Amino acid sequence: MIGLAHIALHLALCGPVARLSPQATFAVHVRVSDKIGRPQVDRMISLQRGYGDEAVAEFDVARGLYRLQIAVPKYGCSASDFVIFMSDHNRTITERLATGAYTERLPLMLSGTTPPAFFYAHPEFVAFDRSAACNQPLVDPLPLQAQVENDQDAYYAQLFPQLSASARPLLVAVRLRTAAAQYHYIRIPVTLPPPSGSWPTAYQLDIPEEYLDTLATEPVDTLLCPKFLKTSVE
């Protein structure tokens, strides 16, 4: 359907489910809800254990930022995450089912459309002190935990500053490797840590192919700040 994203949810099996026979089935409750708790998806899905380490559930959902909650009630396994979907972009998500309680952290979330050349450059999200200046040489990046999933024409990232660095604002950049194993650093106009609250801050930043074509003439190990890259807030 036009405007919807088709989601392939890969579930890494928890111990109780992994011990089932390959022919066994188990029920998974998938709930996708918005900031005020309205469900976009609220379904029980029957899956077969199979022979692998994962099971796959599929569904469609509208564009937006959501809380994804997964539960296997019979076996006490669950997972929770924040996810963002873009219109007309299919997405593959991997979540690990686990027993017991889990700690929910609020990430800064980034997503956007990209050409294939973006992934060929092995993109990594990195952070720098706010003293880093545009078009100036960079020191080594600061610790940053990033969870990134790449599809054919889009990326989805969750960024968490390390506790040792989270007391002060940080700049965010994406690092791209050149053919000569050097690096270009492109500043992303967002700041870490994200604002406090009960819901993450999410930005969409599309990276056009035309800009990647110009990187060959840009200096390496320098903070590049292209003015046409603008984030939109979800």
Protein backbone atom coordinates (compact mmCIF):
# COMPACT_ATOMS: atom_id res chain seq x y z
CA MET A 1 0.00 0.00 0.00
CA ILE A 2 1.29 3.46 -0.90
CA GLY A 3 2.84 5.33 2.01
CA LEU A 4 3.39 2.28 4.21
CA ALA A 5 6.65 0.61 5.15
CA HIS A 6 6.84 -3.18 5.01
CA ILE A 7 8.73 -4.51 8.03
CA ALA A 8 10.61 -7.79 8.30
CA LEU A 9 11.17 -8.27 12.04
CA HIS A 10 13.95 -10.79 12.71
CA LEU A 11 13.70 -12.18 16.23
CA ALA A 12 16.82 -13.70 17.77
CA LEU A 13 15.37 -16.52 19.84
CA CYS A 14 15.52 -16.62 23.63
CA GLY A 15 16.55 -19.82 25.44
CA PRO A 16 13.09 -21.29 26.10
CA VAL A 17 12.04 -20.87 22.47
CA ALA A 18 15.40 -22.01 21.07
CA ARG A 19 14.93 -25.33 22.91
CA LEU A 20 11.66 -26.09 21.12
CA SER A 21 11.58 -28.69 18.36
CA PRO A 22 11.94 -27.31 14.80
CA GLN A 23 8.28 -28.16 14.08
CA ALA A 24 6.91 -26.35 17.14
CA THR A 25 5.06 -23.05 16.85
CA PHE A 26 4.95 -20.17 19.30
CA ALA A 27 2.85 -17.02 19.56
CA VAL A 28 4.49 -13.59 19.46
CA HIS A 29 2.66 -10.42 20.48
CA VAL A 30 3.90 -7.47 18.40
CA ARG A 31 2.79 -3.99 19.42
CA VAL A 32 3.87 -0.80 17.63
CA SER A 33 2.58 2.34 19.38
CA ASP A 34 3.07 6.10 19.07
CA LYS A 35 4.07 8.69 21.68
CA ILE A 36 0.67 8.73 23.37
CA GLY A 37 0.29 4.96 23.30
CA ARG A 38 -1.99 4.57 20.29
CA PRO A 39 -1.27 1.23 18.59
CA GLN A 40 -0.42 1.14 14.89
CA VAL A 41 0.16 -2.61 15.07
CA ASP A 42 -1.22 -4.86 17.83
CA ARG A 43 -1.13 -8.46 16.70
CA MET A 44 -0.52 -12.01 17.87
CA ILE A 45 1.61 -13.72 15.23
CA SER A 46 2.19 -17.47 15.12
CA LEU A 47 5.72 -18.46 14.11
CA GLN A 48 7.44 -21.79 13.59
CA ARG A 49 10.63 -22.50 15.55
CA GLY A 50 12.44 -23.85 12.48
CA TYR A 51 16.12 -24.78 12.38
CA GLY A 52 17.82 -21.39 12.53
CA ASP A 53 18.63 -18.93 15.32
CA GLU A 54 15.93 -16.46 14.23
CA ALA A 55 12.25 -16.31 13.39
CA VAL A 56 10.76 -13.63 11.14
CA ALA A 57 7.48 -11.74 11.62
CA GLU A 58 6.22 -9.33 8.94
CA PHE A 59 3.78 -6.43 9.02
CA ASP A 60 3.07 -3.02 7.46
CA VAL A 61 3.09 0.30 9.30
CA ALA A 62 2.76 4.00 8.52
CA ARG A 63 5.63 6.49 8.65
CA GLY A 64 6.62 7.64 12.12
CA LEU A 65 8.57 7.15 15.34
CA TYR A 66 7.25 4.32 17.50
CA ARG A 67 7.86 2.13 20.51
CA LEU A 68 8.19 -1.50 19.42
CA GLN A 69 7.23 -4.06 22.08
CA ILE A 70 7.55 -7.81 21.52
CA ALA A 71 6.46 -10.56 23.88
CA VAL A 72 6.29 -14.35 23.82
CA PRO A 73 3.90 -14.73 26.78
CA LYS A 74 4.02 -18.50 27.09
CA TYR A 75 7.81 -18.57 27.48
CA GLY A 76 8.42 -15.29 29.34
CA CYS A 77 10.54 -13.70 26.58
CA SER A 78 10.32 -10.08 25.45
CA ALA A 79 12.09 -7.12 23.85
CA SER A 80 11.44 -3.40 23.53
CA ASP A 81 12.94 -0.74 21.30
CA PHE A 82 12.29 2.59 19.63
CA VAL A 83 12.03 2.45 15.84
CA ILE A 84 11.47 4.89 13.01
CA PHE A 85 9.91 4.12 9.64
CA MET A 86 9.95 6.13 6.41
CA SER A 87 7.15 6.15 3.85
CA ASP A 88 7.52 3.64 1.02
CA HIS A 89 10.77 2.27 2.49
CA ASN A 90 10.83 -1.36 3.48
CA ARG A 91 12.90 -2.07 6.56
CA THR A 92 14.56 -5.08 8.16
CA ILE A 93 14.85 -4.97 11.96
CA THR A 94 16.64 -7.39 14.26
CA GLU A 95 15.60 -7.68 17.91
CA ARG A 96 16.88 -10.10 20.53
CA LEU A 97 14.28 -11.80 22.70
CA ALA A 98 15.36 -12.27 26.31
CA THR A 99 13.97 -13.45 29.61
CA GLY A 100 13.74 -11.13 32.60
CA ALA A 101 13.58 -7.35 32.84
CA TYR A 102 15.28 -4.98 30.40
CA THR A 103 16.48 -1.40 30.73
CA GLU A 104 15.03 1.08 28.26
CA ARG A 105 17.37 3.91 27.22
CA LEU A 106 16.45 6.96 25.20
CA PRO A 107 18.64 7.29 22.10
CA LEU A 108 19.10 10.10 19.66
CA MET A 109 17.70 8.61 16.47
CA LEU A 110 18.84 9.34 12.92
CA SER A 111 17.50 8.02 9.64
CA GLY A 112 17.60 9.02 6.02
CA THR A 113 17.78 7.97 2.41
CA THR A 114 21.19 7.36 0.83
CA PRO A 115 22.68 6.12 -2.46
CA PRO A 116 24.58 2.78 -2.54
CA ALA A 117 27.90 4.67 -2.60
CA PHE A 118 27.27 5.72 1.00
CA PHE A 119 27.51 2.13 2.24
CA TYR A 120 30.56 1.37 0.10
CA ALA A 121 32.38 4.01 2.19
CA HIS A 122 31.79 2.03 5.42
CA PRO A 123 29.93 4.79 7.31
CA GLU A 124 30.44 5.12 11.06
CA PHE A 125 28.84 7.62 13.45
CA VAL A 126 31.33 9.35 15.73
CA ALA A 127 31.30 12.19 18.29
CA PHE A 128 33.59 15.13 19.05
CA ASP A 129 33.81 17.78 21.73
CA ARG A 130 31.87 20.97 20.95
CA SER A 131 35.17 22.77 20.48
CA ALA A 132 35.62 21.03 17.10
CA ALA A 133 35.28 23.63 14.34
CA CYS A 134 34.14 23.40 10.74
CA ASN A 135 36.91 23.02 8.15
CA GLN A 136 39.52 22.47 10.85
CA PRO A 137 41.61 19.34 11.60
CA LEU A 138 40.11 16.88 14.08
CA VAL A 139 41.42 15.06 17.12
CA ASP A 140 40.43 11.46 17.86
CA PRO A 141 36.68 10.86 18.28
CA LEU A 142 35.13 10.50 21.74
CA PRO A 143 33.41 7.27 22.88
CA LEU A 144 30.01 6.79 21.28
CA GLN A 145 27.76 3.76 21.17
CA ALA A 146 25.89 3.51 17.88
CA GLN A 147 23.41 0.88 16.78
CA VAL A 148 23.00 1.08 13.01
CA GLU A 149 20.91 -0.87 10.53
CA ASN A 150 21.42 -0.30 6.81
CA ASP A 151 18.98 -1.17 4.05
CA GLN A 152 19.57 -0.84 0.33
CA ASP A 153 18.63 2.84 0.15
CA ALA A 154 18.38 4.04 3.76
CA TYR A 155 20.09 3.97 7.14
CA TYR A 156 18.68 3.91 10.69
CA ALA A 157 20.86 4.78 13.67
CA GLN A 158 20.48 5.01 17.44
CA LEU A 159 23.19 7.01 19.20
CA PHE A 160 24.08 6.77 22.90
CA PRO A 161 26.89 8.86 24.42
CA GLN A 162 29.12 6.99 26.86
CA LEU A 163 28.54 7.95 30.47
CA SER A 164 32.02 9.41 30.77
CA ALA A 165 31.31 11.82 27.92
CA SER A 166 27.58 12.49 28.39
CA ALA A 167 27.95 15.36 30.88
CA ARG A 168 28.88 17.79 28.12
CA PRO A 169 27.32 18.43 24.69
CA LEU A 170 28.92 16.56 21.80
CA LEU A 171 29.02 17.12 18.06
CA VAL A 172 28.00 14.22 15.83
CA ALA A 173 29.59 13.32 12.49
CA VAL A 174 29.48 10.47 10.03
CA ARG A 175 32.89 9.12 9.05
CA LEU A 176 33.37 7.80 5.52
CA ARG A 177 36.44 5.84 4.43
CA THR A 178 38.20 6.79 1.21
CA ALA A 179 39.78 4.39 -1.28
CA ALA A 180 43.15 5.30 0.26
CA ALA A 181 41.94 4.24 3.76
CA GLN A 182 41.67 7.82 4.95
CA TYR A 183 38.55 9.46 6.37
CA HIS A 184 36.11 12.21 5.55
CA TYR A 185 34.06 13.53 8.49
CA ILE A 186 30.68 15.10 7.72
CA ARG A 187 29.05 16.98 10.57
CA ILE A 188 25.42 16.12 11.29
CA PRO A 189 23.56 19.17 12.67
CA VAL A 190 22.41 17.54 15.92
CA THR A 191 23.81 17.53 19.46
CA LEU A 192 24.30 14.77 22.03
CA PRO A 193 23.08 13.94 24.60
CA PRO A 194 19.44 14.16 23.52
CA PRO A 195 16.97 16.13 25.65
CA SER A 196 15.72 14.32 28.75
CA GLY A 197 12.19 12.94 28.76
CA SER A 198 10.21 9.79 28.11
CA TRP A 199 10.43 9.80 24.30
CA PRO A 200 13.47 9.90 22.02
CA THR A 201 14.40 12.74 19.69
CA ALA A 202 14.52 11.66 16.05
CA TYR A 203 15.90 13.41 12.98
CA GLN A 204 15.79 12.58 9.29
CA LEU A 205 18.88 13.47 7.28
CA ASP A 206 18.94 12.41 3.64
CA ILE A 207 22.39 12.25 2.05
CA PRO A 208 22.27 12.99 -1.69
CA GLU A 209 24.48 11.21 -4.18
CA GLU A 210 25.60 14.55 -5.63
CA TYR A 211 27.31 15.47 -2.37
CA LEU A 212 29.14 12.15 -2.11
CA ASP A 213 30.49 12.74 -5.62
CA THR A 214 32.17 15.95 -4.42
CA LEU A 215 33.96 14.38 -1.45
CA ALA A 216 37.00 13.40 -3.52
CA THR A 217 38.07 17.04 -3.57
CA GLU A 218 37.47 17.66 0.14
CA PRO A 219 40.25 17.45 2.78
CA VAL A 220 40.49 14.37 4.98
CA ASP A 221 40.60 14.32 8.81
CA THR A 222 38.74 17.62 8.79
CA LEU A 223 35.24 18.48 10.02
CA LEU A 224 33.19 19.12 6.89
CA CYS A 225 30.00 21.15 7.45
CA PRO A 226 27.97 21.22 4.23
CA LYS A 227 25.27 23.86 4.63
CA PHE A 228 22.72 22.09 2.44
CA LEU A 229 22.47 19.12 4.81
CA LYS A 230 19.47 19.89 7.02
CA THR A 231 17.78 17.65 9.54
CA SER A 232 14.03 17.47 9.98
CA VAL A 233 12.65 16.60 13.43
CA GLU A 234 10.23 13.71 13.90
